């Protein structure tokens, strides 16, 4: 895998994690 591929994968994973954190905050953490 090239550096660009790894970087793109990391950025995608970070974006997904941030979106999940926002969802938890909006939902009041009721899913846990």
Protein backbone atom coordinates (compact mmCIF):
# COMPACT_ATOMS: atom_id res chain seq x y z
CA UNK A 1 0.00 0.00 0.00
CA UNK A 2 1.23 3.46 -0.82
CA UNK A 3 1.50 6.29 1.67
CA UNK A 4 -1.42 8.04 -0.02
CA UNK A 5 -3.61 4.97 0.39
CA UNK A 6 -2.75 4.61 4.07
CA UNK A 7 -3.33 8.32 4.65
CA UNK A 8 -6.71 8.21 2.92
CA UNK A 9 -7.74 5.19 4.99
CA UNK A 10 -6.72 6.92 8.22
CA UNK A 11 -8.58 10.11 7.30
CA UNK A 12 -11.70 8.08 6.53
CA UNK A 13 -11.47 6.21 9.83
CA UNK A 14 -11.00 9.46 11.74
CA UNK A 15 -13.96 11.07 9.98
CA UNK A 16 -16.17 8.10 10.83
CA UNK A 17 -15.03 8.15 14.46
CA UNK A 18 -15.76 11.87 14.75
CA UNK A 19 -19.22 11.39 13.25
CA UNK A 20 -19.94 8.60 15.75
CA UNK A 21 -18.81 10.84 18.63
CA UNK A 22 -21.14 13.60 17.41
CA UNK A 23 -24.03 11.14 17.24
CA UNK A 24 -23.39 10.01 20.81
CA UNK A 25 -23.31 13.60 22.06
CA UNK A 26 -26.55 14.47 20.26
CA UNK A 27 -28.25 11.30 21.53
CA UNK A 28 -27.10 11.90 25.09
CA UNK A 29 -25.16 8.63 25.11
CA UNK A 30 -28.38 6.64 25.36
CA UNK A 31 -26.95 3.93 23.10
CA UNK A 32 -24.41 2.88 25.73
